[in-house]
Protein backbone atom coordinates (compact mmCIF):
# COMPACT_ATOMS: atom_id res chain seq x y z
CA UNK A 1 -0.22 -0.03 -0.06
CA UNK A 2 1.36 3.39 -1.27
CA UNK A 3 1.70 5.86 1.85
CA UNK A 4 0.33 9.36 1.12
CA UNK A 5 1.15 12.69 2.11
CA UNK A 6 -0.93 12.37 5.42
CA UNK A 7 0.12 9.16 6.49
CA UNK A 8 3.19 8.75 8.86
CA UNK A 9 5.81 6.38 9.43
CA UNK A 10 6.59 5.32 13.09
CA UNK A 11 9.12 3.43 14.74
CA UNK A 12 8.19 0.26 16.65
CA UNK A 13 8.76 2.24 20.12
CA UNK A 14 6.79 5.06 18.79
CA UNK A 15 3.95 3.32 17.82
CA UNK A 16 3.70 1.31 21.12
CA UNK A 17 3.70 4.70 23.03
CA UNK A 18 1.63 6.68 20.58
CA UNK A 19 -1.71 6.05 21.93
CA UNK A 20 -0.85 7.31 25.61
CA UNK A 21 1.06 10.16 24.11
CA UNK A 22 -1.94 11.28 21.96
CA UNK A 23 -4.52 10.80 24.88
CA UNK A 24 -2.11 12.50 27.37
CA UNK A 25 -1.62 15.68 25.31
CA UNK A 26 -5.34 15.98 24.41
CA UNK A 27 -6.21 15.67 27.86
CA UNK A 28 -3.78 18.37 28.98
CA UNK A 29 -4.51 20.73 26.24
CA UNK A 30 -8.45 20.59 26.70
CA UNK A 31 -8.21 20.68 30.60
CA UNK A 32 -5.83 23.85 30.60
CA UNK A 33 -8.06 25.75 28.01
CA UNK A 34 -11.01 26.35 30.29
CA UNK A 35 -11.27 27.85 33.81
CA UNK A 36 -9.46 27.73 36.07
CA UNK A 37 -6.33 27.90 33.71
CA UNK A 38 -7.80 29.88 30.75
CA UNK A 39 -5.23 29.03 28.29
CA UNK A 40 -7.44 29.88 25.59
CA UNK A 41 -4.94 28.99 22.78
CA UNK A 42 -4.84 25.34 23.85
CA UNK A 43 -8.42 24.71 22.31
CA UNK A 44 -7.02 25.55 19.01
CA UNK A 45 -4.53 22.46 18.92
CA UNK A 46 -6.19 19.82 21.34
CA UNK A 47 -7.49 17.58 18.81
CA UNK A 48 -4.53 17.28 16.41
CA UNK A 49 -2.64 14.39 18.31
CA UNK A 50 -5.35 12.32 17.55
CA UNK A 51 -6.08 13.73 14.17
CA UNK A 52 -2.75 13.06 13.45
CA UNK A 53 -2.73 9.86 14.62
CA UNK A 54 -6.08 8.71 12.58
CA UNK A 55 -3.96 9.09 9.40
CA UNK A 56 -1.80 6.21 10.59
CA UNK A 57 -4.87 3.89 10.51
CA UNK A 58 -4.24 2.42 13.87
CA UNK A 59 -6.11 -0.47 14.78
CA UNK A 60 -9.69 0.29 15.41
CA UNK A 61 -9.96 -1.42 18.98
CA UNK A 62 -6.85 0.38 20.43
CA UNK A 63 -7.84 3.83 18.47
CA UNK A 64 -11.49 3.69 20.26
CA UNK A 65 -10.54 2.61 23.51
CA UNK A 66 -7.75 5.70 23.69
CA UNK A 67 -10.35 7.97 22.40
CA UNK A 68 -13.00 7.03 24.90
CA UNK A 69 -10.41 7.11 27.78
CA UNK A 70 -9.10 10.31 26.91
CA UNK A 71 -12.51 11.83 26.58
CA UNK A 72 -13.40 10.32 29.78
CA UNK A 73 -10.28 11.62 31.66
CA UNK A 74 -10.74 15.12 30.33
CA UNK A 75 -14.38 15.39 31.53
CA UNK A 76 -13.12 14.35 34.81
CA UNK A 77 -10.41 16.74 35.02
CA UNK A 78 -12.65 19.70 34.02
CA UNK A 79 -15.44 18.58 36.29
CA UNK A 80 -13.27 17.92 39.23
CA UNK A 81 -15.28 20.25 41.39
CA UNK A 82 -18.64 17.80 41.15
CA UNK A 83 -16.58 15.78 44.03
CA UNK A 84 -17.68 18.31 46.43
CA UNK A 85 -21.56 17.50 46.34
CA UNK A 86 -22.72 14.96 48.61
CA UNK A 87 -19.57 12.83 49.11
CA UNK A 88 -18.75 10.08 48.31
CA UNK A 89 -21.67 10.41 45.96
CA UNK A 90 -20.06 13.43 44.40
CA UNK A 91 -17.22 11.08 43.06
CA UNK A 92 -19.79 8.54 42.01
CA UNK A 93 -21.75 11.27 39.82
CA UNK A 94 -18.53 12.43 38.51
CA UNK A 95 -17.17 9.10 37.25
CA UNK A 96 -20.63 8.56 35.52
CA UNK A 97 -21.10 11.86 34.08
CA UNK A 98 -17.56 12.22 32.70
CA UNK A 99 -17.78 8.86 31.01
CA UNK A 100 -21.17 9.85 29.54
CA UNK A 101 -19.62 13.10 28.22
CA UNK A 102 -16.46 10.97 27.10
CA UNK A 103 -18.98 9.09 24.68
CA UNK A 104 -19.34 12.49 22.56
CA UNK A 105 -15.73 12.51 22.11
CA UNK A 106 -15.48 8.98 21.08
CA UNK A 107 -18.16 9.73 18.55
CA UNK A 108 -16.13 12.54 16.90
CA UNK A 109 -12.76 10.82 17.15
CA UNK A 110 -14.74 7.31 15.77
CA UNK A 111 -15.78 9.56 12.81
CA UNK A 112 -12.37 11.14 12.42
CA UNK A 113 -10.98 7.30 12.08
CA UNK A 114 -13.55 6.56 9.42
CA UNK A 115 -12.76 9.83 7.40
CA UNK A 116 -8.89 9.72 7.59
CA UNK A 117 -8.17 6.92 4.94
CA UNK A 118 -10.63 8.71 3.05
CA UNK A 119 -9.40 11.99 2.86
CA UNK A 120 -5.86 10.65 2.77
CA UNK A 121 -5.12 11.66 -1.38
CA UNK A 122 -8.41 12.64 -1.91
CA UNK A 123 -8.82 15.53 -4.27
CA UNK A 124 -9.02 18.89 -2.74
CA UNK A 125 -12.48 19.82 -3.08
CA UNK A 126 -13.39 16.49 -1.57
CA UNK A 127 -10.90 16.83 1.42
CA UNK A 128 -12.03 20.33 2.27
CA UNK A 129 -15.75 18.65 2.24
CA UNK A 130 -14.72 15.99 4.57
CA UNK A 131 -13.10 18.56 6.83
CA UNK A 132 -16.24 20.86 6.97
CA UNK A 133 -18.18 17.70 7.68
CA UNK A 134 -16.11 16.50 10.83
CA UNK A 135 -16.38 20.29 12.15
CA UNK A 136 -20.12 20.00 11.57
CA UNK A 137 -20.29 16.75 13.28
CA UNK A 138 -18.83 18.46 16.30
CA UNK A 139 -21.37 20.82 16.50
CA UNK A 140 -24.31 18.27 16.09
CA UNK A 141 -22.84 16.32 18.99
CA UNK A 142 -22.50 19.46 21.34
CA UNK A 143 -26.11 20.27 20.31
CA UNK A 144 -27.47 16.75 21.30
CA UNK A 145 -25.27 17.06 24.42
CA UNK A 146 -27.35 20.08 25.43
CA UNK A 147 -30.61 18.24 24.74
CA UNK A 148 -30.21 14.35 25.72
CA UNK A 149 -31.16 13.55 29.03
CA UNK A 150 -32.27 16.77 30.04
CA UNK A 151 -29.21 18.20 28.51
CA UNK A 152 -25.81 19.23 29.75
CA UNK A 153 -24.28 21.81 27.53
CA UNK A 154 -21.35 22.67 29.71
CA UNK A 155 -18.36 24.35 28.24
CA UNK A 156 -18.75 24.36 24.44
CA UNK A 157 -15.58 25.02 23.03
CA UNK A 158 -16.40 28.47 22.28
CA UNK A 159 -16.28 29.04 25.99
CA UNK A 160 -12.71 28.85 26.01
CA UNK A 161 -12.48 32.43 24.87
CA UNK A 162 -14.84 33.84 27.66
CA UNK A 163 -11.83 36.38 28.48
CA UNK A 164 -11.05 37.30 24.62
CA UNK A 165 -14.63 38.61 23.87
CA UNK A 166 -13.21 40.07 20.64
CA UNK A 167 -13.51 36.45 18.98
CA UNK A 168 -16.83 36.10 20.27
CA UNK A 169 -18.86 38.60 18.53
CA UNK A 170 -20.39 36.63 15.71
CA UNK A 171 -22.32 34.61 18.45
CA UNK A 172 -25.30 37.26 17.84
CA UNK A 173 -26.01 35.72 14.49
CA UNK A 174 -24.83 32.07 15.27
CA UNK A 175 -24.83 31.64 18.90
CA UNK A 176 -21.70 29.67 20.19
CA UNK A 177 -21.86 27.07 17.17
CA UNK A 178 -19.95 28.97 14.37
CA UNK A 179 -16.83 29.53 17.03
CA UNK A 180 -17.01 26.06 17.91
CA UNK A 181 -17.09 25.07 14.22
CA UNK A 182 -14.13 27.09 13.51
CA UNK A 183 -12.13 25.79 16.50
CA UNK A 184 -12.47 22.10 15.06
CA UNK A 185 -12.04 23.19 11.60
CA UNK A 186 -8.50 25.03 12.54
CA UNK A 187 -7.45 21.81 14.49
CA UNK A 188 -7.91 19.92 11.29
CA UNK A 189 -6.58 22.30 9.17
CA UNK A 190 -3.20 22.57 11.24
CA UNK A 191 -3.04 18.59 10.43
CA UNK A 192 -4.26 18.27 7.04
CA UNK A 193 -3.21 21.63 5.87
CA UNK A 194 0.30 21.43 6.38
CA UNK A 195 3.15 19.37 4.90
CA UNK A 196 4.31 18.27 1.37
CA UNK A 197 1.51 18.92 -1.42
CA UNK A 198 -1.24 16.29 -1.17
CA UNK A 199 -1.61 13.77 -3.80
CA UNK A 200 -4.69 13.46 -5.62
CA UNK A 201 -6.65 10.33 -6.46
CA UNK A 202 -4.79 7.58 -8.31
CA UNK A 203 -1.47 9.44 -7.87
CA UNK A 204 1.42 8.28 -5.53
CA UNK A 205 2.11 10.43 -2.72
CA UNK A 206 5.66 11.62 -0.90
CA UNK A 207 6.25 9.51 2.02
CA UNK A 208 6.19 12.00 5.18
CA UNK A 209 8.94 11.63 7.59
CA UNK A 210 8.39 14.57 9.67
CA UNK A 211 5.75 15.56 12.10
CA UNK A 212 5.21 19.00 11.23
CA UNK A 213 6.18 19.58 7.43
CA UNK A 214 6.35 22.91 6.12
CA UNK A 215 3.24 23.60 3.83
CA UNK A 216 0.07 25.80 4.32
CA UNK A 217 -2.66 24.68 2.24
CA UNK A 218 -6.10 25.35 1.89
CA UNK A 219 -7.24 23.13 4.55
CA UNK A 220 -5.66 25.61 7.10
CA UNK A 221 -6.21 28.63 4.92
CA UNK A 222 -9.96 28.31 5.28
CA UNK A 223 -10.44 28.50 8.86
CA UNK A 224 -7.76 31.09 9.22
CA UNK A 225 -9.43 33.19 6.70
CA UNK A 226 -12.73 32.74 8.54
CA UNK A 227 -11.06 33.73 12.13
CA UNK A 228 -9.85 36.57 10.37
CA UNK A 229 -13.04 37.71 8.91
CA UNK A 230 -14.52 37.22 12.46
CA UNK A 231 -12.14 39.46 13.73
CA UNK A 232 -12.56 42.00 11.25
CA UNK A 233 -16.31 41.83 11.89
CA UNK A 234 -15.75 42.27 15.64
CA UNK A 235 -13.52 45.02 15.34
CA UNK A 236 -15.82 46.85 13.23
CA UNK A 237 -18.87 46.45 15.50
CA UNK A 238 -16.97 47.43 18.68
CA UNK A 239 -15.79 50.50 17.17
CA UNK A 240 -19.00 51.80 15.71
CA UNK A 241 -19.54 55.37 16.54
CA UNK A 242 -22.99 54.92 17.35
CA UNK A 243 -22.29 52.76 20.45
CA UNK A 244 -22.06 54.21 23.74
CA UNK A 245 -22.76 53.16 27.48
CA UNK A 246 -25.79 54.34 29.37
CA UNK A 247 -26.02 53.43 32.88
CA UNK A 248 -28.95 51.34 33.89
CA UNK A 249 -28.91 50.92 37.38
CA UNK A 250 -26.76 50.82 40.32
CA UNK A 251 -26.62 47.43 41.89
CA UNK A 252 -25.73 46.45 45.75
CA UNK A 253 -24.33 42.60 45.50
CA UNK A 254 -24.59 40.53 48.46
CA UNK A 255 -22.40 37.54 48.61
CA UNK A 256 -23.33 35.65 51.69
CA UNK A 257 -21.16 32.40 51.26
CA UNK A 258 -23.76 30.32 52.92
CA UNK A 259 -23.30 26.87 53.63
CA UNK A 260 -25.69 25.19 51.22
CA UNK A 261 -25.65 21.88 53.31
CA UNK A 262 -26.89 23.66 56.65
CA UNK A 263 -29.75 25.53 55.10
CA UNK A 264 -32.31 23.46 54.60
CA UNK A 265 -31.41 20.64 57.39
CA UNK A 266 -29.80 22.77 60.01
CA UNK A 267 -31.46 23.95 63.51
CA UNK A 268 -33.79 26.91 63.99
CA UNK A 269 -30.64 28.40 65.43
CA UNK A 270 -28.67 27.90 62.24
CA UNK A 271 -31.58 29.20 60.26
CA UNK A 272 -31.69 32.31 62.28
CA UNK A 273 -27.84 32.82 61.92
CA UNK A 274 -28.29 32.40 58.03
CA UNK A 275 -31.05 35.14 57.97
CA UNK A 276 -28.89 37.46 60.32
CA UNK A 277 -25.79 37.34 58.09
CA UNK A 278 -27.75 38.25 55.06
CA UNK A 279 -29.46 41.17 56.95
CA UNK A 280 -26.26 42.34 58.41
CA UNK A 281 -24.55 42.66 55.02
CA UNK A 282 -27.57 44.08 53.62
CA UNK A 283 -27.25 46.99 55.73
CA UNK A 284 -24.31 48.05 53.80
CA UNK A 285 -26.66 49.67 51.16
CA UNK A 286 -28.98 51.48 53.44
CA UNK A 287 -30.22 54.69 51.48
CA UNK A 288 -28.67 58.00 52.63
CA UNK A 289 -29.94 61.39 51.16
CA UNK A 290 -27.34 62.78 48.68
CA UNK A 291 -24.87 59.76 49.13
CA UNK A 292 -23.01 59.04 46.07
CA UNK A 293 -22.85 55.29 47.07
CA UNK A 294 -26.50 54.79 47.18
CA UNK A 295 -27.86 51.81 45.03
CA UNK A 296 -31.00 51.47 43.19
CA UNK A 297 -31.44 48.14 44.25
CA UNK A 298 -30.00 45.16 46.29
CA UNK A 299 -29.43 41.63 44.85
CA UNK A 300 -29.04 38.35 46.71
CA UNK A 301 -28.29 34.91 44.96
CA UNK A 302 -30.07 31.88 44.58
CA UNK A 303 -32.27 30.46 47.47
CA UNK A 304 -30.64 33.05 49.82
CA UNK A 305 -33.09 33.10 52.79
CA UNK A 306 -33.39 29.94 54.80
CA UNK A 307 -37.15 29.53 54.58
CA UNK A 308 -39.84 29.35 51.68
CA UNK A 309 -41.41 33.14 51.05
CA UNK A 310 -44.32 32.03 49.10
CA UNK A 311 -47.42 29.73 49.92
CA UNK A 312 -49.18 28.56 52.63
CA UNK A 313 -48.03 29.86 56.22
CA UNK A 314 -45.03 32.04 54.92
CA UNK A 315 -46.61 35.30 56.22
CA UNK A 316 -44.06 35.67 58.77
CA UNK A 317 -41.16 35.18 56.72
CA UNK A 318 -42.57 37.79 53.86
CA UNK A 319 -43.15 40.12 56.73
CA UNK A 320 -39.31 39.88 57.42
CA UNK A 321 -38.54 40.47 53.70
CA UNK A 322 -40.65 43.72 53.37
CA UNK A 323 -39.13 45.09 56.61
CA UNK A 324 -35.72 44.48 55.36
CA UNK A 325 -36.67 46.47 51.97
CA UNK A 326 -38.25 49.23 54.26
CA UNK A 327 -35.08 49.54 56.18
CA UNK A 328 -33.01 49.85 53.26
CA UNK A 329 -35.16 51.91 51.57
CA UNK A 330 -34.50 50.31 48.36
CA UNK A 331 -36.01 46.98 46.38
CA UNK A 332 -34.29 43.50 47.04
CA UNK A 333 -34.41 41.03 44.05
CA UNK A 334 -33.65 37.84 45.37
CA UNK A 335 -33.49 34.07 44.81
CA UNK A 336 -35.83 32.04 47.05
CA UNK A 337 -37.81 28.75 47.45
CA UNK A 338 -41.64 29.01 47.62
CA UNK A 339 -44.36 26.46 47.99
CA UNK A 340 -45.91 25.05 44.65
CA UNK A 341 -48.86 23.47 46.41
CA UNK A 342 -49.97 22.74 49.74
CA UNK A 343 -49.36 19.66 51.49
CA UNK A 344 -52.29 17.44 51.79
CA UNK A 345 -50.66 15.10 54.70
CA UNK A 346 -47.54 13.35 55.58
CA UNK A 347 -47.60 11.00 52.32
CA UNK A 348 -47.99 13.85 50.42
CA UNK A 349 -45.19 16.54 50.72
CA UNK A 350 -45.27 19.82 49.59
CA UNK A 351 -43.69 20.55 46.08
CA UNK A 352 -41.40 23.79 45.70
CA UNK A 353 -40.47 26.29 43.14
CA UNK A 354 -36.86 27.80 43.06
CA UNK A 355 -37.88 31.19 42.01
CA UNK A 356 -36.66 34.88 42.01
CA UNK A 357 -38.97 37.21 43.79
CA UNK A 358 -38.89 41.10 44.29
CA UNK A 359 -39.67 42.90 47.62
CA UNK A 360 -40.34 46.55 47.71
CA UNK A 361 -40.26 49.04 50.63
CA UNK A 362 -43.15 49.73 52.46
CA UNK A 363 -46.64 49.16 51.61
CA UNK A 364 -45.98 47.85 47.90
CA UNK A 365 -44.18 44.91 49.40
CA UNK A 366 -43.83 41.90 47.28
CA UNK A 367 -44.27 42.23 43.53
CA UNK A 368 -46.63 40.05 41.45
CA UNK A 369 -44.19 38.92 39.29
CA UNK A 370 -42.24 35.63 40.08
CA UNK A 371 -40.06 33.64 38.16
CA UNK A 372 -39.86 29.86 38.75
CA UNK A 373 -36.73 27.96 37.54
CA UNK A 374 -37.69 26.28 34.38
CA UNK A 375 -34.70 23.95 33.84
CA UNK A 376 -34.22 21.97 37.03
CA UNK A 377 -31.07 20.28 37.99
CA UNK A 378 -31.40 16.27 37.89
CA UNK A 379 -30.46 14.78 41.34
CA UNK A 380 -29.92 18.05 42.86
CA UNK A 381 -33.59 19.52 42.66
CA UNK A 382 -35.45 15.98 41.70
CA UNK A 383 -34.51 12.21 41.18
CA UNK A 384 -35.15 11.22 37.83
CA UNK A 385 -34.29 7.58 38.62
CA UNK A 386 -37.28 5.00 39.70
CA UNK A 387 -37.73 4.52 43.24
CA UNK A 388 -35.88 0.99 43.18
CA UNK A 389 -32.78 2.11 42.06
CA UNK A 390 -30.30 2.53 44.98
CA UNK A 391 -29.40 6.35 45.02
CA UNK A 392 -29.48 8.61 47.85
CA UNK A 393 -32.02 10.95 46.27
CA UNK A 394 -31.77 14.72 45.88
CA UNK A 395 -28.78 16.70 46.94
CA UNK A 396 -31.26 19.61 48.09
CA UNK A 397 -32.95 18.13 51.03
CA UNK A 398 -36.39 19.95 50.84
CA UNK A 399 -39.26 17.79 51.87
CA UNK A 400 -40.49 17.46 48.54
CA UNK A 401 -39.54 17.81 44.66
CA UNK A 402 -38.97 21.06 42.98
CA UNK A 403 -41.32 21.65 40.40
CA UNK A 404 -40.26 23.39 37.17
CA UNK A 405 -41.85 26.96 35.94
CA UNK A 406 -43.29 26.66 32.26
CA UNK A 407 -42.67 30.24 30.98
CA UNK A 408 -40.39 33.34 30.91
CA UNK A 409 -41.08 36.00 33.29
CA UNK A 410 -40.00 39.48 33.28
CA UNK A 411 -39.75 41.38 36.55
CA UNK A 412 -39.60 45.23 36.11
CA UNK A 413 -37.72 47.49 38.65
CA UNK A 414 -38.99 50.99 38.82
CA UNK A 415 -36.53 53.73 39.81
CA UNK A 416 -36.91 57.60 40.47
CA UNK A 417 -37.16 59.75 37.69
CA UNK A 418 -39.39 57.30 35.58
CA UNK A 419 -36.67 55.05 34.86
CA UNK A 420 -37.76 51.16 34.21
CA UNK A 421 -35.52 48.39 33.92
CA UNK A 422 -37.05 44.98 33.03
CA UNK A 423 -34.85 42.07 34.13
CA UNK A 424 -35.01 38.55 32.82
CA UNK A 425 -34.15 36.14 35.79
CA UNK A 426 -32.20 33.03 35.28
CA UNK A 427 -31.53 30.48 38.26
CA UNK A 428 -28.84 28.63 38.80
CA UNK A 429 -27.26 26.67 35.97
CA UNK A 430 -30.09 28.10 33.51
CA UNK A 431 -27.46 30.74 31.74
CA UNK A 432 -25.73 27.42 30.40
CA UNK A 433 -28.86 27.05 28.20
CA UNK A 434 -29.16 29.61 25.41
CA UNK A 435 -32.70 29.04 24.85
CA UNK A 436 -33.73 30.08 28.12
CA UNK A 437 -31.62 33.38 27.88
CA UNK A 438 -33.33 33.55 24.28
CA UNK A 439 -36.81 33.27 25.87
CA UNK A 440 -36.49 36.37 28.33
CA UNK A 441 -35.01 38.38 25.89
CA UNK A 442 -37.98 37.73 23.75
CA UNK A 443 -40.24 38.42 26.55
CA UNK A 444 -38.86 41.95 26.84
CA UNK A 445 -36.07 41.81 29.31
CA UNK A 446 -33.37 44.79 29.13
CA UNK A 447 -31.03 43.06 31.80
CA UNK A 448 -30.38 39.27 32.25
CA UNK A 449 -30.07 38.70 35.81
CA UNK A 450 -28.63 35.37 37.00
CA UNK A 451 -28.84 34.10 40.69
CA UNK A 452 -26.81 31.26 41.66
CA UNK A 453 -25.32 29.23 44.45
CA UNK A 454 -22.15 27.46 43.24
CA UNK A 455 -21.07 26.78 46.91
CA UNK A 456 -21.80 23.30 46.27
CA UNK A 457 -18.73 23.01 44.16
CA UNK A 458 -16.13 24.15 46.31
CA UNK A 459 -13.60 26.86 45.35
CA UNK A 460 -12.07 25.45 42.53
CA UNK A 461 -12.98 26.09 38.87
CA UNK A 462 -16.55 25.36 38.97
CA UNK A 463 -17.86 28.70 39.82
CA UNK A 464 -15.67 30.36 37.02
CA UNK A 465 -16.56 27.63 34.44
CA UNK A 466 -20.12 28.64 35.17
CA UNK A 467 -19.54 32.38 34.66
CA UNK A 468 -17.91 31.66 31.15
CA UNK A 469 -21.69 30.88 29.97
CA UNK A 470 -23.03 34.22 31.00
CA UNK A 471 -20.41 35.83 28.45
CA UNK A 472 -21.91 33.67 25.52
CA UNK A 473 -25.30 34.57 26.72
CA UNK A 474 -24.54 38.38 26.82
CA UNK A 475 -23.01 38.39 23.30
CA UNK A 476 -26.15 36.27 21.87
CA UNK A 477 -28.60 38.34 23.22
CA UNK A 478 -26.98 41.55 23.20
CA UNK A 479 -28.32 42.12 26.74
CA UNK A 480 -26.06 42.85 29.90
CA UNK A 481 -25.72 40.27 32.23
CA UNK A 482 -25.86 41.14 36.21
CA UNK A 483 -24.70 37.91 37.99
CA UNK A 484 -24.77 37.28 42.11
CA UNK A 485 -23.45 33.87 43.42
CA UNK A 486 -23.68 32.73 47.02
CA UNK A 487 -19.85 32.66 47.11
CA UNK A 488 -18.87 33.73 43.45
CA UNK A 489 -18.72 34.38 40.43
CA UNK A 490 -20.59 37.77 41.05
CA UNK A 491 -20.41 40.82 38.72
CA UNK A 492 -21.50 42.39 35.61
CA UNK A 493 -20.99 41.39 31.74
CA UNK A 494 -21.70 43.96 29.17
CA UNK A 495 -23.27 43.39 25.88
CA UNK A 496 -19.91 42.93 24.36
CA UNK A 497 -19.02 40.30 26.56
CA UNK A 498 -16.33 42.06 28.59
CA UNK A 499 -16.75 40.75 32.34
CA UNK A 500 -16.09 42.89 35.54
CA UNK A 501 -15.56 40.67 38.59
CA UNK A 502 -15.79 41.53 42.06
CA UNK A 503 -12.25 41.90 43.26
CA UNK A 504 -10.38 42.24 46.56
CA UNK A 505 -10.84 45.36 48.86
CA UNK A 506 -8.96 48.16 48.08
CA UNK A 507 -8.73 47.06 44.33
CA UNK A 508 -10.89 48.56 41.54
CA UNK A 509 -11.14 47.39 37.87
CA UNK A 510 -12.99 50.45 36.81
CA UNK A 511 -14.38 53.53 38.52
CA UNK A 512 -17.56 52.38 38.59
CA UNK A 513 -16.84 50.00 41.33
CA UNK A 514 -17.21 50.52 45.15
CA UNK A 515 -15.95 47.54 47.00
CA UNK A 516 -16.71 46.22 50.57
CA UNK A 517 -15.24 42.55 50.31
CA UNK A 518 -12.33 40.33 51.05
CA UNK A 519 -10.95 37.64 48.85
CA UNK A 520 -11.45 37.50 44.89
CA UNK A 521 -13.99 35.13 43.16
CA UNK A 522 -15.02 33.49 46.28
CA UNK A 523 -15.70 35.71 49.47
CA UNK A 524 -17.88 36.57 52.25
CA UNK A 525 -19.19 40.35 51.58
CA UNK A 526 -20.65 42.67 49.16
CA UNK A 527 -20.11 45.05 46.52
CA UNK A 528 -21.85 47.68 44.62
CA UNK A 529 -21.47 48.22 40.60
CA UNK A 530 -23.00 50.21 37.90
CA UNK A 531 -24.65 48.01 35.32
CA UNK A 532 -24.71 49.98 31.85
CA UNK A 533 -26.41 49.21 28.37
CA UNK A 534 -25.48 50.15 24.81
CA UNK A 535 -28.94 51.79 23.55
CA UNK A 536 -28.00 50.77 20.07
CA UNK A 537 -29.48 47.53 21.01
CA UNK A 538 -32.59 48.69 23.17
CA UNK A 539 -35.52 46.57 22.02
CA UNK A 540 -33.49 45.02 19.27
CA UNK A 541 -33.76 41.19 19.01
CA UNK A 542 -30.27 39.50 17.45
CA UNK A 543 -30.53 37.33 14.70
CA UNK A 544 -29.72 34.47 17.08
CA UNK A 545 -32.71 35.65 19.27
CA UNK A 546 -34.99 35.31 16.53
CA UNK A 547 -33.99 32.19 14.51
CA UNK A 548 -32.03 30.30 17.16
CA UNK A 549 -29.97 27.50 16.31
CA UNK A 550 -30.06 27.45 12.92
CA UNK A 551 -26.28 26.91 12.63
CA UNK A 552 -26.68 23.36 13.85
CA UNK A 553 -28.95 22.57 11.09
CA UNK A 554 -26.42 23.73 8.62
CA UNK A 555 -23.56 21.97 10.49
CA UNK A 556 -26.00 18.74 9.96
CA UNK A 557 -26.17 19.33 6.27
CA UNK A 558 -22.55 19.93 6.13
CA UNK A 559 -21.85 16.48 7.76
CA UNK A 560 -24.46 14.78 5.96
CA UNK A 561 -22.98 15.92 2.44
CA UNK A 562 -19.23 15.24 3.63
CA UNK A 563 -20.25 11.80 4.66
CA UNK A 564 -21.85 11.09 1.52
CA UNK A 565 -18.99 12.15 -0.65
CA UNK A 566 -16.43 10.38 1.29
CA UNK A 567 -18.61 7.23 1.37
CA UNK A 568 -18.75 7.51 -2.73
CA UNK A 569 -15.12 8.15 -2.96
CA UNK A 570 -14.67 4.55 -0.84
CA UNK A 571 -16.68 2.46 -3.57
């Protein structure tokens, strides 16, 4: 059999250790691409070891086992913070979830192994079609991952650039899919678009003896050209003379760092301690006449009070919240649980909502608008398994199950001077799902507000990985995103995707900040910031908000067409 321009000649020693080398390189590169390491460049090359190896036509069994192992370990490392949830079950869940996610890596690398001998020596147009098909296949798999078994679209490849929003501006048209597509295409191009001139069908090709030969072909030029076009487009958007920042509101953020395990299983004394902590921290934002430090409203994280605030027998708790808002002289927007239906007996425990509420000073009290979390966390807020499966149940130990909301809700905030800000709440990891942010934008939200409790995940990379998704949502919808976490990440993300995090006391990122906190991402304290908006996007729905995941459909067509062309060549 004639060696082609993409095939590789290896020594026996190299062939023996090549699977492990490919796996280790891929695992390290993918893990460091995301928070907390934030080495975005690594995502541009993390697939190249396996792509290169696939052209050596390794044994299918060896290749697939190595591919699955690499995918499993990569996700295990990335999601290592899950071990903190209800140990030792957190380790069990981490192992199962990472193995499941590894199947998606396996599915893509299996397609790569199938395509490699068909791409090797193919005509240039057919080879390009095959590479576009493979990039599209990754997008399709990522989309399926976001829906199957309730969905877990955690960290699409585009999220690696959350600190470099210049490269993410096309998201307002395509969502995260176009950047993910280009990242995979660039990985493919770095292998298939370098080296000696590839042979055409029926012609012998020179044997490749070096790992990174010097040639730049259209397989690499195509993704580079797309990236340059994206950067040029982003630069044009960000330097538009019509763009300006108009303040929406000054917000006081409370980050109480409450132990989530104590909130629902603690004693009355512990509940009082949690409430006193929230109350005392909020005193920072008491309104004072003519003070430049006054805020327009106070924001608490998800499920902040240690008691339900909606439903039967909750009047005393609601009065506590109204008294607090009255003391502050400012409304409080906060995450809390509420009863969804009353209990009819010990065999029928009540159900709950995990919601966002607004309480205003004085007689105005609680607003009628209440948002109920729509996408619940399996095993966290409900147990999807049948009763006979030996599993401890939900992580959040409320008496009953949490029930999901069924529609988006916009909570209006009225400020002096006839100012109105319409907030679109998202709870916990709902900002991971693009469709929920799109729904809130369509409902009329001016500002997306994410309240979350990432204290379940320790102080590793969990909260930072979570925050990266809010950057994607801000650009996709062109709505600013305000976040408040129990222990972090709290801050503000503007419509261009620039993220401003709460920092150490005495340090400021921009003059808009007034800090009263100790620590960095994870801390117990408060902070105040100005949320601003670009009026250019007021009332405007982006192409992605209007049309959704159209790029996934395009990717599926490219995948089908490319697979068909490569199959025909094999006949």
